[in-house]
Amino acid sequence: MRYMRKLKTISKAGISEKIEELTADIGKDSSSEDREIAEAKIKQEIRSCYFGCRSTKEKVENLTVELGLPKDCVTQDKEPLGGAHGDPAWTSQQIKITIVESIKELENMNTEDLLQHRRLKFRSIEGFQEGIPVEPKRKRNMKPSEFNKPKAADIEPEIDSLKKKILEAKGPSDPITSQAIEKLKEDVDKEITSAFISMSLQEKLESVKLELSKTSQSTPSQPLNHSLEEKVDKIMQEFNHNLSRPGAYLGLKQKLEKLILVNGLIEM
């Protein structure tokens, strides 16, 4: 291992000569393991020399050829001495290479492969670790897993099957039930009319109805007038506001809830 001790004393000034002397020792009385270690160190010193002293670039490239190494191996380092800002051209080239390679890799992926790739990438940078609890604030912003999530195509047949079972269980429409639903609708209409009167909105509603009938007679194919639409929206906002007050119009609220529930069951 005498060439390993020599390697520690190599200076930037005489790097080429020292490496040539060192390579002459390799192979005489060294094992394959020692040769591999020495060659790795030589590559490291070559790269260090290349980035530390540009004037020796040609000598270093010639030396790499003599050693049987690729001529461009000296440019395959992580970054030059002094950081990436020490050689902007090299840094720009490395960024370009990385982007192009990433694009080529992602172009060949479908949606599922891409989601899996991103999931593994996020874990490789320790953005998420399996088995370790995630803070609730952070977990709320995380995208739910797409894997094991039922697809719409799988759910639709189950929904259709469930609808058929409900219809079979219900049997033919009961006339008494239909009459009860119609009576409930009539009661809701009466309650709504009474609510409009008590809210002093009945006159406004009649005025809008009259305007609407005139507009529909003159221009039946035209859409609703913007000013008329605003009036309708204003009346409905006032009605909903009064209806939402606690303790107000409880009978109407209960009947509306029943009617919504019944309509939902009929649609199923």
C-alpha atoms as a PDB file:
ATOM      1  CA  MET A   1       0.000   0.000   0.000  1.00  0.00           C
ATOM      2  CA  ARG A   2       2.954   2.362  -0.457  1.00  0.00           C
ATOM      3  CA  TYR A   3       1.223   4.106  -3.372  1.00  0.00           C
ATOM      4  CA  MET A   4      -1.688   4.963  -1.012  1.00  0.00           C
ATOM      5  CA  ARG A   5       0.731   6.816   1.274  1.00  0.00           C
ATOM      6  CA  LYS A   6       2.184   8.610  -1.749  1.00  0.00           C
ATOM      7  CA  LEU A   7      -1.327   9.610  -2.813  1.00  0.00           C
ATOM      8  CA  LYS A   8      -1.876  11.547   0.411  1.00  0.00           C
ATOM      9  CA  THR A   9       1.153  13.732  -0.320  1.00  0.00           C
ATOM     10  CA  ILE A  10       0.128  14.670  -3.855  1.00  0.00           C
ATOM     11  CA  SER A  11      -0.107  18.438  -4.370  1.00  0.00           C
ATOM     12  CA  LYS A  12      -1.972  20.373  -7.038  1.00  0.00           C
ATOM     13  CA  ALA A  13       1.255  21.673  -8.631  1.00  0.00           C
ATOM     14  CA  GLY A  14       2.741  18.294  -9.575  1.00  0.00           C
ATOM     15  CA  ILE A  15      -0.465  16.275  -9.916  1.00  0.00           C
ATOM     16  CA  SER A  16       0.237  14.884 -13.394  1.00  0.00           C
ATOM     17  CA  GLU A  17       3.772  13.674 -12.601  1.00  0.00           C
ATOM     18  CA  LYS A  18       2.758  12.195  -9.238  1.00  0.00           C
ATOM     19  CA  ILE A  19      -0.171  10.300 -10.748  1.00  0.00           C
ATOM     20  CA  GLU A  20       2.066   8.921 -13.504  1.00  0.00           C
ATOM     21  CA  GLU A  21       4.525   7.742 -10.864  1.00  0.00           C
ATOM     22  CA  LEU A  22       1.682   6.245  -8.844  1.00  0.00           C
ATOM     23  CA  THR A  23       0.212   4.353 -11.808  1.00  0.00           C
ATOM     24  CA  ALA A  24       3.618   2.840 -12.536  1.00  0.00           C
ATOM     25  CA  ASP A  25       3.506   1.173  -9.101  1.00  0.00           C
ATOM     26  CA  ILE A  26       0.059  -0.336  -9.650  1.00  0.00           C
ATOM     27  CA  GLY A  27       0.208  -3.900 -10.863  1.00  0.00           C
ATOM     28  CA  LYS A  28       3.679  -4.846  -9.678  1.00  0.00           C
ATOM     29  CA  ASP A  29       2.915  -6.275  -6.259  1.00  0.00           C
ATOM     30  CA  SER A  30      -0.672  -5.280  -5.511  1.00  0.00           C
ATOM     31  CA  SER A  31      -3.895  -7.236  -5.205  1.00  0.00           C
ATOM     32  CA  SER A  32      -6.997  -6.553  -7.306  1.00  0.00           C
ATOM     33  CA  GLU A  33      -8.666  -4.872  -4.327  1.00  0.00           C
ATOM     34  CA  ASP A  34      -5.706  -2.535  -3.859  1.00  0.00           C
ATOM     35  CA  ARG A  35      -5.749  -1.735  -7.564  1.00  0.00           C
ATOM     36  CA  GLU A  36      -9.445  -0.784  -7.435  1.00  0.00           C
ATOM     37  CA  ILE A  37      -8.918   1.448  -4.401  1.00  0.00           C
ATOM     38  CA  ALA A  38      -5.922   3.138  -5.991  1.00  0.00           C
ATOM     39  CA  GLU A  39      -7.686   3.694  -9.299  1.00  0.00           C
ATOM     40  CA  ALA A  40     -10.658   5.243  -7.491  1.00  0.00           C
ATOM     41  CA  LYS A  41      -8.332   7.599  -5.665  1.00  0.00           C
ATOM     42  CA  ILE A  42      -6.589   8.460  -8.927  1.00  0.00           C
ATOM     43  CA  LYS A  43      -9.913   9.367 -10.535  1.00  0.00           C
ATOM     44  CA  GLN A  44     -10.715  11.552  -7.555  1.00  0.00           C
ATOM     45  CA  GLU A  45      -7.373  13.335  -7.795  1.00  0.00           C
ATOM     46  CA  ILE A  46      -7.805  13.800 -11.539  1.00  0.00           C
ATOM     47  CA  ARG A  47     -11.172  15.455 -11.033  1.00  0.00           C
ATOM     48  CA  SER A  48      -9.792  17.584  -8.207  1.00  0.00           C
ATOM     49  CA  CYS A  49      -6.910  18.682 -10.418  1.00  0.00           C
ATOM     50  CA  TYR A  50      -9.232  19.438 -13.316  1.00  0.00           C
ATOM     51  CA  PHE A  51     -11.538  21.675 -11.298  1.00  0.00           C
ATOM     52  CA  GLY A  52      -8.791  23.212  -9.171  1.00  0.00           C
ATOM     53  CA  CYS A  53      -6.354  24.163 -11.939  1.00  0.00           C
ATOM     54  CA  ARG A  54      -7.737  24.729 -15.458  1.00  0.00           C
ATOM     55  CA  SER A  55      -4.270  25.118 -16.988  1.00  0.00           C
ATOM     56  CA  THR A  56      -3.681  21.354 -16.611  1.00  0.00           C
ATOM     57  CA  LYS A  57      -6.893  20.324 -18.414  1.00  0.00           C
ATOM     58  CA  GLU A  58      -5.100  19.010 -21.525  1.00  0.00           C
ATOM     59  CA  LYS A  59      -2.532  17.069 -19.486  1.00  0.00           C
ATOM     60  CA  VAL A  60      -5.248  15.528 -17.344  1.00  0.00           C
ATOM     61  CA  GLU A  61      -7.303  14.472 -20.371  1.00  0.00           C
ATOM     62  CA  ASN A  62      -4.229  12.859 -21.946  1.00  0.00           C
ATOM     63  CA  LEU A  63      -3.494  11.103 -18.681  1.00  0.00           C
ATOM     64  CA  THR A  64      -7.029   9.680 -18.445  1.00  0.00           C
ATOM     65  CA  VAL A  65      -6.603   8.172 -21.921  1.00  0.00           C
ATOM     66  CA  GLU A  66      -3.321   6.543 -20.861  1.00  0.00           C
ATOM     67  CA  LEU A  67      -5.034   5.106 -17.774  1.00  0.00           C
ATOM     68  CA  GLY A  68      -7.774   3.623 -19.952  1.00  0.00           C
ATOM     69  CA  LEU A  69     -10.461   5.863 -18.435  1.00  0.00           C
ATOM     70  CA  PRO A  70     -13.161   7.724 -20.392  1.00  0.00           C
ATOM     71  CA  LYS A  71     -11.853  11.074 -21.589  1.00  0.00           C
ATOM     72  CA  ASP A  72     -14.845  12.931 -20.120  1.00  0.00           C
ATOM     73  CA  CYS A  73     -14.712  11.230 -16.701  1.00  0.00           C
ATOM     74  CA  VAL A  74     -13.160  14.362 -15.228  1.00  0.00           C
ATOM     75  CA  THR A  75     -16.400  16.267 -15.910  1.00  0.00           C
ATOM     76  CA  GLN A  76     -18.646  13.750 -14.171  1.00  0.00           C
ATOM     77  CA  ASP A  77     -18.233  15.166 -10.668  1.00  0.00           C
ATOM     78  CA  LYS A  78     -20.993  16.558  -8.476  1.00  0.00           C
ATOM     79  CA  GLU A  79     -19.761  20.139  -8.592  1.00  0.00           C
ATOM     80  CA  PRO A  80     -16.473  22.067  -8.916  1.00  0.00           C
ATOM     81  CA  LEU A  81     -14.396  23.243  -5.987  1.00  0.00           C
ATOM     82  CA  GLY A  82     -15.824  26.402  -4.502  1.00  0.00           C
ATOM     83  CA  GLY A  83     -19.412  25.352  -5.174  1.00  0.00           C
ATOM     84  CA  ALA A  84     -21.623  25.433  -8.237  1.00  0.00           C
ATOM     85  CA  HIS A  85     -21.286  29.211  -8.504  1.00  0.00           C
ATOM     86  CA  GLY A  86     -17.542  28.744  -9.128  1.00  0.00           C
ATOM     87  CA  ASP A  87     -18.278  27.511 -12.658  1.00  0.00           C
ATOM     88  CA  PRO A  88     -21.636  28.826 -13.967  1.00  0.00           C
ATOM     89  CA  ALA A  89     -21.225  27.197 -17.396  1.00  0.00           C
ATOM     90  CA  TRP A  90     -20.724  23.752 -15.855  1.00  0.00           C
ATOM     91  CA  THR A  91     -23.650  24.288 -13.476  1.00  0.00           C
ATOM     92  CA  SER A  92     -25.953  25.363 -16.312  1.00  0.00           C
ATOM     93  CA  GLN A  93     -24.978  22.303 -18.334  1.00  0.00           C
ATOM     94  CA  GLN A  94     -25.672  19.948 -15.423  1.00  0.00           C
ATOM     95  CA  ILE A  95     -29.090  21.531 -14.840  1.00  0.00           C
ATOM     96  CA  LYS A  96     -29.940  21.126 -18.526  1.00  0.00           C
ATOM     97  CA  ILE A  97     -28.856  17.466 -18.528  1.00  0.00           C
ATOM     98  CA  THR A  98     -30.915  16.722 -15.405  1.00  0.00           C
ATOM     99  CA  ILE A  99     -34.050  18.394 -16.799  1.00  0.00           C
ATOM    100  CA  VAL A 100     -33.806  16.585 -20.147  1.00  0.00           C
ATOM    101  CA  GLU A 101     -33.301  13.205 -18.444  1.00  0.00           C
ATOM    102  CA  SER A 102     -36.273  13.819 -16.123  1.00  0.00           C
ATOM    103  CA  ILE A 103     -38.534  14.793 -19.035  1.00  0.00           C
ATOM    104  CA  LYS A 104     -37.557  11.676 -20.995  1.00  0.00           C
ATOM    105  CA  GLU A 105     -38.282   9.530 -17.945  1.00  0.00           C
ATOM    106  CA  LEU A 106     -41.698  11.104 -17.299  1.00  0.00           C
ATOM    107  CA  GLU A 107     -42.793  11.061 -20.966  1.00  0.00           C
ATOM    108  CA  ASN A 108     -42.894   7.258 -20.992  1.00  0.00           C
ATOM    109  CA  MET A 109     -45.217   7.036 -17.953  1.00  0.00           C
ATOM    110  CA  ASN A 110     -48.992   6.784 -17.889  1.00  0.00           C
ATOM    111  CA  THR A 111     -51.080   8.428 -15.139  1.00  0.00           C
ATOM    112  CA  GLU A 112     -50.838   5.545 -12.659  1.00  0.00           C
ATOM    113  CA  ASP A 113     -47.082   5.132 -13.134  1.00  0.00           C
ATOM    114  CA  LEU A 114     -46.597   8.879 -12.729  1.00  0.00           C
ATOM    115  CA  LEU A 115     -48.588   8.969  -9.472  1.00  0.00           C
ATOM    116  CA  GLN A 116     -46.574   6.027  -8.141  1.00  0.00           C
ATOM    117  CA  HIS A 117     -43.312   7.715  -9.208  1.00  0.00           C
ATOM    118  CA  ARG A 118     -44.231  10.969  -7.433  1.00  0.00           C
ATOM    119  CA  ARG A 119     -45.343   9.048  -4.331  1.00  0.00           C
ATOM    120  CA  LEU A 120     -42.008   7.245  -4.094  1.00  0.00           C
ATOM    121  CA  LYS A 121     -40.089  10.449  -4.877  1.00  0.00           C
ATOM    122  CA  PHE A 122     -41.824  12.263  -2.018  1.00  0.00           C
ATOM    123  CA  ARG A 123     -40.851   9.455   0.325  1.00  0.00           C
ATOM    124  CA  SER A 124     -37.252   9.334  -0.940  1.00  0.00           C
ATOM    125  CA  ILE A 125     -36.736  12.978   0.092  1.00  0.00           C
ATOM    126  CA  GLU A 126     -38.321  12.114   3.467  1.00  0.00           C
ATOM    127  CA  GLY A 127     -41.339  14.322   2.841  1.00  0.00           C
ATOM    128  CA  PHE A 128     -43.326  11.416   4.241  1.00  0.00           C
ATOM    129  CA  GLN A 129     -42.237   8.274   6.078  1.00  0.00           C
ATOM    130  CA  GLU A 130     -44.354   5.143   6.416  1.00  0.00           C
ATOM    131  CA  GLY A 131     -45.482   4.287   9.933  1.00  0.00           C
ATOM    132  CA  ILE A 132     -44.751   7.736  11.383  1.00  0.00           C
ATOM    133  CA  PRO A 133     -47.833   9.832  12.344  1.00  0.00           C
ATOM    134  CA  VAL A 134     -48.349  13.036  10.348  1.00  0.00           C
ATOM    135  CA  GLU A 135     -49.380  16.294  12.007  1.00  0.00           C
ATOM    136  CA  PRO A 136     -53.132  16.974  11.480  1.00  0.00           C
ATOM    137  CA  LYS A 137     -52.448  20.428  10.014  1.00  0.00           C
ATOM    138  CA  ARG A 138     -50.089  18.931   7.422  1.00  0.00           C
ATOM    139  CA  LYS A 139     -52.192  15.841   6.737  1.00  0.00           C
ATOM    140  CA  ARG A 140     -55.193  18.014   5.879  1.00  0.00           C
ATOM    141  CA  ASN A 141     -53.287  19.447   2.891  1.00  0.00           C
ATOM    142  CA  MET A 142     -52.001  16.074   1.658  1.00  0.00           C
ATOM    143  CA  LYS A 143     -53.581  14.523  -1.422  1.00  0.00           C
ATOM    144  CA  PRO A 144     -55.562  11.350  -0.606  1.00  0.00           C
ATOM    145  CA  SER A 145     -54.133   8.143  -1.989  1.00  0.00           C
ATOM    146  CA  GLU A 146     -55.441   7.198  -5.433  1.00  0.00           C
ATOM    147  CA  PHE A 147     -54.662   3.549  -4.789  1.00  0.00           C
ATOM    148  CA  ASN A 148     -57.405   1.391  -3.245  1.00  0.00           C
ATOM    149  CA  LYS A 149     -59.855   4.177  -4.101  1.00  0.00           C
ATOM    150  CA  PRO A 150     -63.023   2.848  -5.783  1.00  0.00           C
ATOM    151  CA  LYS A 151     -63.474   4.053  -9.353  1.00  0.00           C
ATOM    152  CA  ALA A 152     -66.726   5.461 -10.745  1.00  0.00           C
ATOM    153  CA  ALA A 153     -66.967   2.549 -13.183  1.00  0.00           C
ATOM    154  CA  ASP A 154     -66.919   0.102 -10.241  1.00  0.00           C
ATOM    155  CA  ILE A 155     -69.504   2.012  -8.174  1.00  0.00           C
ATOM    156  CA  GLU A 156     -72.142   2.569 -10.899  1.00  0.00           C
ATOM    157  CA  PRO A 157     -73.140  -1.127 -11.257  1.00  0.00           C
ATOM    158  CA  GLU A 158     -73.530  -1.370  -7.473  1.00  0.00           C
ATOM    159  CA  ILE A 159     -75.785   1.726  -7.435  1.00  0.00           C
ATOM    160  CA  ASP A 160     -77.936   0.339 -10.273  1.00  0.00           C
ATOM    161  CA  SER A 161     -78.242  -2.973  -8.465  1.00  0.00           C
ATOM    162  CA  LEU A 162     -79.246  -1.213  -5.239  1.00  0.00           C
ATOM    163  CA  LYS A 163     -81.902   0.850  -7.071  1.00  0.00           C
ATOM    164  CA  LYS A 164     -83.419  -2.320  -8.544  1.00  0.00           C
ATOM    165  CA  LYS A 165     -83.580  -3.943  -5.112  1.00  0.00           C
ATOM    166  CA  ILE A 166     -85.310  -0.872  -3.644  1.00  0.00           C
ATOM    167  CA  LEU A 167     -87.870  -0.778  -6.477  1.00  0.00           C
ATOM    168  CA  GLU A 168     -88.558  -4.499  -6.092  1.00  0.00           C
ATOM    169  CA  ALA A 169     -88.995  -4.099  -2.338  1.00  0.00           C
ATOM    170  CA  LYS A 170     -91.339  -1.120  -2.771  1.00  0.00           C
ATOM    171  CA  GLY A 171     -93.544  -2.920  -5.277  1.00  0.00           C
ATOM    172  CA  PRO A 172     -96.276  -1.091  -7.239  1.00  0.00           C
ATOM    173  CA  SER A 173     -97.098   2.483  -6.290  1.00  0.00           C
ATOM    174  CA  ASP A 174     -99.664   2.682  -3.492  1.00  0.00           C
ATOM    175  CA  PRO A 175    -102.543   5.129  -4.331  1.00  0.00           C
ATOM    176  CA  ILE A 176    -102.837   6.103  -0.671  1.00  0.00           C
ATOM    177  CA  THR A 177     -99.139   7.047  -0.628  1.00  0.00           C
ATOM    178  CA  SER A 178     -99.546   9.128  -3.817  1.00  0.00           C
ATOM    179  CA  GLN A 179    -102.495  10.977  -2.278  1.00  0.00           C
ATOM    180  CA  ALA A 180    -100.485  11.663   0.875  1.00  0.00           C
ATOM    181  CA  ILE A 181     -97.626  13.109  -1.182  1.00  0.00           C
ATOM    182  CA  GLU A 182    -100.020  15.356  -3.151  1.00  0.00           C
ATOM    183  CA  LYS A 183    -101.610  16.551   0.090  1.00  0.00           C
ATOM    184  CA  LEU A 184     -98.154  17.301   1.517  1.00  0.00           C
ATOM    185  CA  LYS A 185     -97.320  19.383  -1.572  1.00  0.00           C
ATOM    186  CA  GLU A 186    -100.571  21.339  -1.223  1.00  0.00           C
ATOM    187  CA  ASP A 187     -99.872  21.988   2.458  1.00  0.00           C
ATOM    188  CA  VAL A 188     -96.373  23.225   1.620  1.00  0.00           C
ATOM    189  CA  ASP A 189     -97.776  25.598  -1.043  1.00  0.00           C
ATOM    190  CA  LYS A 190    -100.287  27.024   1.444  1.00  0.00           C
ATOM    191  CA  GLU A 191     -97.616  27.426   4.126  1.00  0.00           C
ATOM    192  CA  ILE A 192     -95.282  29.210   1.666  1.00  0.00           C
ATOM    193  CA  THR A 193     -98.089  31.591   0.608  1.00  0.00           C
ATOM    194  CA  SER A 194     -98.854  32.365   4.253  1.00  0.00           C
ATOM    195  CA  ALA A 195     -95.147  32.939   4.923  1.00  0.00           C
ATOM    196  CA  PHE A 196     -94.886  35.379   1.978  1.00  0.00           C
ATOM    197  CA  ILE A 197     -97.899  37.304   3.303  1.00  0.00           C
ATOM    198  CA  SER A 198     -96.514  37.464   6.866  1.00  0.00           C
ATOM    199  CA  MET A 199     -93.134  38.648   5.520  1.00  0.00           C
ATOM    200  CA  SER A 200     -94.872  41.416   3.483  1.00  0.00           C
ATOM    201  CA  LEU A 201     -93.475  39.913   0.282  1.00  0.00           C
ATOM    202  CA  GLN A 202     -96.750  38.915  -1.366  1.00  0.00           C
ATOM    203  CA  GLU A 203     -97.249  42.271  -3.119  1.00  0.00           C
ATOM    204  CA  LYS A 204     -93.689  42.208  -4.471  1.00  0.00           C
ATOM    205  CA  LEU A 205     -94.218  38.647  -5.690  1.00  0.00           C
ATOM    206  CA  GLU A 206     -97.472  39.549  -7.467  1.00  0.00           C
ATOM    207  CA  SER A 207     -95.761  42.535  -9.101  1.00  0.00           C
ATOM    208  CA  VAL A 208     -92.966  40.310 -10.409  1.00  0.00           C
ATOM    209  CA  LYS A 209     -95.500  37.742 -11.697  1.00  0.00           C
ATOM    210  CA  LEU A 210     -97.358  40.485 -13.584  1.00  0.00           C
ATOM    211  CA  GLU A 211     -94.135  41.785 -15.138  1.00  0.00           C
ATOM    212  CA  LEU A 212     -93.121  38.257 -16.070  1.00  0.00           C
ATOM    213  CA  SER A 213     -96.426  37.529 -17.804  1.00  0.00           C
ATOM    214  CA  LYS A 214     -96.175  40.758 -19.828  1.00  0.00           C
ATOM    215  CA  THR A 215     -92.602  39.983 -20.860  1.00  0.00           C
ATOM    216  CA  SER A 216     -93.437  36.404 -21.878  1.00  0.00           C
ATOM    217  CA  GLN A 217     -96.372  37.586 -24.020  1.00  0.00           C
ATOM    218  CA  SER A 218     -94.355  40.239 -25.884  1.00  0.00           C
ATOM    219  CA  THR A 219     -91.129  38.254 -26.347  1.00  0.00           C
ATOM    220  CA  PRO A 220     -91.752  34.571 -25.519  1.00  0.00           C
ATOM    221  CA  SER A 221     -88.412  33.338 -26.900  1.00  0.00           C
ATOM    222  CA  GLN A 222     -86.268  35.948 -25.117  1.00  0.00           C
ATOM    223  CA  PRO A 223     -84.449  35.075 -21.864  1.00  0.00           C
ATOM    224  CA  LEU A 224     -85.485  36.592 -18.533  1.00  0.00           C
ATOM    225  CA  ASN A 225     -84.920  40.338 -18.233  1.00  0.00           C
ATOM    226  CA  HIS A 226     -81.862  41.186 -16.098  1.00  0.00           C
ATOM    227  CA  SER A 227     -83.724  43.708 -13.908  1.00  0.00           C
ATOM    228  CA  LEU A 228     -86.556  41.237 -13.421  1.00  0.00           C
ATOM    229  CA  GLU A 229     -84.083  38.510 -12.515  1.00  0.00           C
ATOM    230  CA  GLU A 230     -82.530  40.795  -9.899  1.00  0.00           C
ATOM    231  CA  LYS A 231     -85.957  41.449  -8.360  1.00  0.00           C
ATOM    232  CA  VAL A 232     -86.675  37.714  -8.121  1.00  0.00           C
ATOM    233  CA  ASP A 233     -83.273  37.057  -6.517  1.00  0.00           C
ATOM    234  CA  LYS A 234     -83.828  39.858  -4.007  1.00  0.00           C
ATOM    235  CA  ILE A 235     -87.244  38.487  -3.000  1.00  0.00           C
ATOM    236  CA  MET A 236     -85.854  34.963  -2.579  1.00  0.00           C
ATOM    237  CA  GLN A 237     -82.901  36.192  -0.518  1.00  0.00           C
ATOM    238  CA  GLU A 238     -85.242  38.071   1.816  1.00  0.00           C
ATOM    239  CA  PHE A 239     -87.554  35.040   2.064  1.00  0.00           C
ATOM    240  CA  ASN A 240     -84.683  32.643   2.870  1.00  0.00           C
ATOM    241  CA  HIS A 241     -83.253  35.095   5.402  1.00  0.00           C
ATOM    242  CA  ASN A 242     -86.565  35.339   7.276  1.00  0.00           C
ATOM    243  CA  LEU A 243     -87.124  31.588   7.022  1.00  0.00           C
ATOM    244  CA  SER A 244     -83.697  30.805   8.505  1.00  0.00           C
ATOM    245  CA  ARG A 245     -84.360  32.721  11.731  1.00  0.00           C
ATOM    246  CA  PRO A 246     -84.366  30.401  14.784  1.00  0.00           C
ATOM    247  CA  GLY A 247     -87.883  29.414  15.889  1.00  0.00           C
ATOM    248  CA  ALA A 248     -89.587  30.999  12.865  1.00  0.00           C
ATOM    249  CA  TYR A 249     -91.974  29.078  10.575  1.00  0.00           C
ATOM    250  CA  LEU A 250     -91.298  25.703  12.201  1.00  0.00           C
ATOM    251  CA  GLY A 251     -94.324  24.046  10.547  1.00  0.00           C
ATOM    252  CA  LEU A 252     -93.169  25.089   7.075  1.00  0.00           C
ATOM    253  CA  LYS A 253     -89.612  23.929   7.752  1.00  0.00           C
ATOM    254  CA  GLN A 254     -90.779  20.480   8.903  1.00  0.00           C
ATOM    255  CA  LYS A 255     -93.033  20.002   5.873  1.00  0.00           C
ATOM    256  CA  LEU A 256     -90.285  21.125   3.492  1.00  0.00           C
ATOM    257  CA  GLU A 257     -87.883  18.585   5.024  1.00  0.00           C
ATOM    258  CA  LYS A 258     -90.487  15.817   4.613  1.00  0.00           C
ATOM    259  CA  LEU A 259     -91.128  16.801   0.989  1.00  0.00           C
ATOM    260  CA  ILE A 260     -87.398  16.805   0.175  1.00  0.00           C
ATOM    261  CA  LEU A 261     -87.033  13.364   1.781  1.00  0.00           C
ATOM    262  CA  VAL A 262     -90.011  11.962  -0.149  1.00  0.00           C
ATOM    263  CA  ASN A 263     -88.737  13.348  -3.472  1.00  0.00           C
ATOM    264  CA  GLY A 264     -85.335  11.790  -2.796  1.00  0.00           C
ATOM    265  CA  LEU A 265     -86.918   8.368  -2.187  1.00  0.00           C
ATOM    266  CA  ILE A 266     -89.027   8.644  -5.354  1.00  0.00           C
ATOM    267  CA  GLU A 267     -85.988   9.510  -7.490  1.00  0.00           C
ATOM    268  CA  MET A 268     -84.161   6.436  -6.197  1.00  0.00           C
END
